[in-house]
């Protein structure tokens, strides 16, 4: 249950990252990478506080990041079709 809660919190953080990225669409690529690193760190720390295991935290963070960006790519492709 703790892993699922950490996953959900990370999905919310990745959603906030996408909104922040959308708002700052005129920023340079370097700033977007810095913002990604900051959000990755926040997601990692949030999961580590919940799960209390570095290995499981890294797995959950990697899985949530992979899921979120997969959903994002699928959604963007669907938006281009319609």
N, C-alpha and C. Protein backbone atom coordinates (compact mmCIF):
# COMPACT_ATOMS: atom_id res chain seq x y z
N UNK A 1 0.81 -1.19 0.00
CA UNK A 1 0.00 0.00 0.00
C UNK A 1 0.86 1.26 0.00
N UNK A 2 1.99 1.20 0.70
CA UNK A 2 2.89 2.34 0.74
C UNK A 2 3.48 2.61 -0.65
N UNK A 3 3.78 1.55 -1.37
CA UNK A 3 4.34 1.72 -2.72
C UNK A 3 3.32 2.37 -3.64
N UNK A 4 2.08 1.97 -3.52
CA UNK A 4 1.02 2.55 -4.34
C UNK A 4 0.82 4.03 -4.01
N UNK A 5 0.86 4.38 -2.75
CA UNK A 5 0.72 5.78 -2.33
C UNK A 5 1.88 6.61 -2.88
N UNK A 6 3.09 6.07 -2.78
CA UNK A 6 4.26 6.78 -3.32
C UNK A 6 4.13 6.96 -4.83
N UNK A 7 3.64 5.93 -5.52
CA UNK A 7 3.43 6.02 -6.96
C UNK A 7 2.43 7.11 -7.31
N UNK A 8 1.32 7.18 -6.58
CA UNK A 8 0.30 8.19 -6.84
C UNK A 8 0.82 9.61 -6.59
N UNK A 9 1.56 9.78 -5.52
CA UNK A 9 2.13 11.10 -5.22
C UNK A 9 3.11 11.51 -6.31
N UNK A 10 3.89 10.56 -6.79
CA UNK A 10 4.83 10.87 -7.86
C UNK A 10 4.11 11.21 -9.16
N UNK A 11 3.01 10.54 -9.44
CA UNK A 11 2.25 10.88 -10.64
C UNK A 11 1.71 12.31 -10.55
N UNK A 12 1.30 12.71 -9.37
CA UNK A 12 0.85 14.10 -9.18
C UNK A 12 2.02 15.05 -9.41
N UNK A 13 3.18 14.71 -8.89
CA UNK A 13 4.36 15.57 -9.10
C UNK A 13 4.74 15.65 -10.57
N UNK A 14 4.66 14.54 -11.30
CA UNK A 14 4.97 14.58 -12.73
C UNK A 14 3.94 15.42 -13.48
N UNK A 15 2.70 15.39 -13.03
CA UNK A 15 1.67 16.22 -13.65
C UNK A 15 1.96 17.70 -13.41
N UNK A 16 2.39 18.03 -12.21
CA UNK A 16 2.76 19.42 -11.91
C UNK A 16 3.97 19.81 -12.75
N UNK A 17 4.91 18.89 -12.94
CA UNK A 17 6.06 19.17 -13.80
C UNK A 17 5.61 19.50 -15.23
N UNK A 18 4.65 18.75 -15.75
CA UNK A 18 4.15 18.99 -17.10
C UNK A 18 3.48 20.35 -17.20
N UNK A 19 2.72 20.72 -16.19
CA UNK A 19 2.08 22.04 -16.18
C UNK A 19 3.15 23.14 -16.12
N UNK A 20 4.16 22.96 -15.27
CA UNK A 20 5.23 23.95 -15.18
C UNK A 20 6.00 24.04 -16.50
N UNK A 21 6.20 22.91 -17.15
CA UNK A 21 6.89 22.90 -18.44
C UNK A 21 6.05 23.60 -19.50
N UNK A 22 4.75 23.39 -19.46
CA UNK A 22 3.85 24.03 -20.41
C UNK A 22 3.82 25.55 -20.21
N UNK A 23 3.81 25.98 -18.95
CA UNK A 23 3.79 27.42 -18.65
C UNK A 23 5.09 28.08 -19.10
N UNK A 24 6.19 27.38 -18.97
CA UNK A 24 7.50 27.95 -19.33
C UNK A 24 7.95 27.45 -20.70
N UNK A 25 7.08 27.48 -21.67
CA UNK A 25 7.41 26.93 -22.98
C UNK A 25 8.46 27.76 -23.73
N UNK A 26 8.71 28.99 -23.33
CA UNK A 26 9.70 29.81 -24.02
C UNK A 26 11.07 29.77 -23.34
N UNK A 27 11.20 29.00 -22.28
CA UNK A 27 12.49 28.88 -21.61
C UNK A 27 13.47 28.06 -22.44
N UNK A 28 14.73 28.25 -22.13
CA UNK A 28 15.76 27.47 -22.80
C UNK A 28 15.72 26.02 -22.33
N UNK A 29 16.29 25.14 -23.11
CA UNK A 29 16.30 23.72 -22.80
C UNK A 29 17.04 23.43 -21.48
N UNK A 30 18.09 24.20 -21.20
CA UNK A 30 18.85 23.98 -19.96
C UNK A 30 17.96 24.19 -18.73
N UNK A 31 17.10 25.20 -18.77
CA UNK A 31 16.22 25.46 -17.64
C UNK A 31 15.19 24.35 -17.47
N UNK A 32 14.75 23.78 -18.58
CA UNK A 32 13.79 22.68 -18.50
C UNK A 32 14.46 21.44 -17.89
N UNK A 33 15.73 21.22 -18.21
CA UNK A 33 16.45 20.10 -17.62
C UNK A 33 16.66 20.31 -16.13
N UNK A 34 16.97 21.54 -15.75
CA UNK A 34 17.13 21.84 -14.32
C UNK A 34 15.81 21.62 -13.60
N UNK A 35 14.73 22.06 -14.21
CA UNK A 35 13.41 21.85 -13.61
C UNK A 35 13.09 20.36 -13.50
N UNK A 36 13.46 19.57 -14.50
CA UNK A 36 13.24 18.12 -14.45
C UNK A 36 14.03 17.51 -13.29
N UNK A 37 15.26 17.91 -13.12
CA UNK A 37 16.09 17.38 -12.03
C UNK A 37 15.48 17.73 -10.68
N UNK A 38 14.98 18.95 -10.54
CA UNK A 38 14.36 19.37 -9.28
C UNK A 38 13.11 18.53 -9.00
N UNK A 39 12.27 18.32 -10.01
CA UNK A 39 11.07 17.51 -9.80
C UNK A 39 11.41 16.05 -9.56
N UNK A 40 12.45 15.54 -10.22
CA UNK A 40 12.89 14.17 -9.97
C UNK A 40 13.34 14.02 -8.52
N UNK A 41 14.09 15.00 -8.05
CA UNK A 41 14.56 14.97 -6.66
C UNK A 41 13.38 15.02 -5.69
N UNK A 42 12.41 15.89 -5.96
CA UNK A 42 11.23 15.97 -5.10
C UNK A 42 10.45 14.65 -5.09
N UNK A 43 10.30 14.05 -6.26
CA UNK A 43 9.58 12.77 -6.34
C UNK A 43 10.34 11.68 -5.59
N UNK A 44 11.65 11.68 -5.72
CA UNK A 44 12.47 10.68 -5.05
C UNK A 44 12.39 10.84 -3.52
N UNK A 45 12.51 12.07 -3.06
CA UNK A 45 12.46 12.33 -1.62
C UNK A 45 11.08 11.99 -1.04
N UNK A 46 10.02 12.34 -1.78
CA UNK A 46 8.66 12.04 -1.31
C UNK A 46 8.46 10.53 -1.18
N UNK A 47 8.91 9.78 -2.16
CA UNK A 47 8.76 8.32 -2.10
C UNK A 47 9.65 7.72 -1.01
N UNK A 48 10.83 8.28 -0.83
CA UNK A 48 11.74 7.74 0.20
C UNK A 48 11.16 7.95 1.59
N UNK A 49 10.48 9.07 1.82
CA UNK A 49 9.85 9.31 3.12
C UNK A 49 8.74 8.30 3.38
N UNK A 50 8.05 7.87 2.33
CA UNK A 50 6.93 6.94 2.50
C UNK A 50 7.41 5.50 2.58
N UNK A 51 8.32 5.11 1.68
CA UNK A 51 8.70 3.70 1.54
C UNK A 51 9.83 3.31 2.50
N UNK A 52 10.75 4.22 2.78
CA UNK A 52 11.88 3.97 3.69
C UNK A 52 12.91 2.98 3.13
N UNK A 53 12.99 2.84 1.81
CA UNK A 53 13.97 1.94 1.19
C UNK A 53 14.47 2.60 -0.09
N UNK A 54 15.80 2.75 -0.20
CA UNK A 54 16.35 3.42 -1.38
C UNK A 54 16.11 2.62 -2.66
N UNK A 55 16.28 1.31 -2.59
CA UNK A 55 16.11 0.47 -3.77
C UNK A 55 14.67 0.51 -4.27
N UNK A 56 13.73 0.33 -3.36
CA UNK A 56 12.31 0.37 -3.74
C UNK A 56 11.91 1.77 -4.20
N UNK A 57 12.47 2.79 -3.57
CA UNK A 57 12.19 4.17 -3.98
C UNK A 57 12.66 4.41 -5.41
N UNK A 58 13.85 3.94 -5.73
CA UNK A 58 14.36 4.12 -7.10
C UNK A 58 13.50 3.36 -8.11
N UNK A 59 13.06 2.15 -7.75
CA UNK A 59 12.20 1.38 -8.65
C UNK A 59 10.85 2.07 -8.87
N UNK A 60 10.25 2.56 -7.79
CA UNK A 60 8.96 3.24 -7.90
C UNK A 60 9.11 4.53 -8.72
N UNK A 61 10.17 5.28 -8.46
CA UNK A 61 10.39 6.53 -9.20
C UNK A 61 10.61 6.25 -10.68
N UNK A 62 11.40 5.26 -11.00
CA UNK A 62 11.64 4.91 -12.40
C UNK A 62 10.35 4.45 -13.08
N UNK A 63 9.58 3.63 -12.39
CA UNK A 63 8.33 3.13 -12.95
C UNK A 63 7.31 4.26 -13.16
N UNK A 64 7.19 5.15 -12.18
CA UNK A 64 6.23 6.25 -12.32
C UNK A 64 6.65 7.20 -13.44
N UNK A 65 7.94 7.44 -13.56
CA UNK A 65 8.44 8.31 -14.63
C UNK A 65 8.19 7.67 -15.99
N UNK A 66 8.44 6.38 -16.12
CA UNK A 66 8.21 5.67 -17.37
C UNK A 66 6.72 5.67 -17.72
N UNK A 67 5.88 5.38 -16.76
CA UNK A 67 4.43 5.36 -17.00
C UNK A 67 3.93 6.74 -17.40
N UNK A 68 4.35 7.75 -16.68
CA UNK A 68 3.84 9.09 -16.96
C UNK A 68 4.23 9.56 -18.36
N UNK A 69 5.49 9.41 -18.72
CA UNK A 69 5.90 9.88 -20.04
C UNK A 69 5.35 9.00 -21.17
N UNK A 70 5.09 7.73 -20.90
CA UNK A 70 4.40 6.89 -21.89
C UNK A 70 2.98 7.40 -22.11
N UNK A 71 2.27 7.67 -21.02
CA UNK A 71 0.91 8.21 -21.13
C UNK A 71 0.92 9.57 -21.82
N UNK A 72 1.93 10.37 -21.53
CA UNK A 72 2.03 11.70 -22.14
C UNK A 72 2.22 11.59 -23.65
N UNK A 73 3.09 10.70 -24.09
CA UNK A 73 3.33 10.52 -25.52
C UNK A 73 2.09 9.98 -26.22
N UNK A 74 1.43 9.02 -25.60
CA UNK A 74 0.20 8.46 -26.19
C UNK A 74 -0.87 9.55 -26.30
N UNK A 75 -1.03 10.34 -25.25
CA UNK A 75 -2.03 11.39 -25.26
C UNK A 75 -1.73 12.45 -26.32
N UNK A 76 -0.45 12.83 -26.44
CA UNK A 76 -0.07 13.81 -27.47
C UNK A 76 -0.32 13.28 -28.87
N UNK A 77 -0.05 11.99 -29.09
CA UNK A 77 -0.32 11.40 -30.40
C UNK A 77 -1.81 11.33 -30.69
N UNK A 78 -2.60 11.04 -29.67
CA UNK A 78 -4.05 11.03 -29.86
C UNK A 78 -4.58 12.42 -30.18
N UNK A 79 -3.99 13.44 -29.57
CA UNK A 79 -4.42 14.80 -29.83
C UNK A 79 -4.09 15.23 -31.25
N UNK A 80 -3.00 14.72 -31.81
CA UNK A 80 -2.64 15.04 -33.20
C UNK A 80 -3.60 14.38 -34.18
N UNK A 81 -4.11 13.21 -33.84
CA UNK A 81 -5.03 12.50 -34.73
C UNK A 81 -6.37 13.24 -34.80
N UNK A 82 -6.83 13.71 -33.64
CA UNK A 82 -8.11 14.40 -33.61
C UNK A 82 -7.86 15.85 -33.76
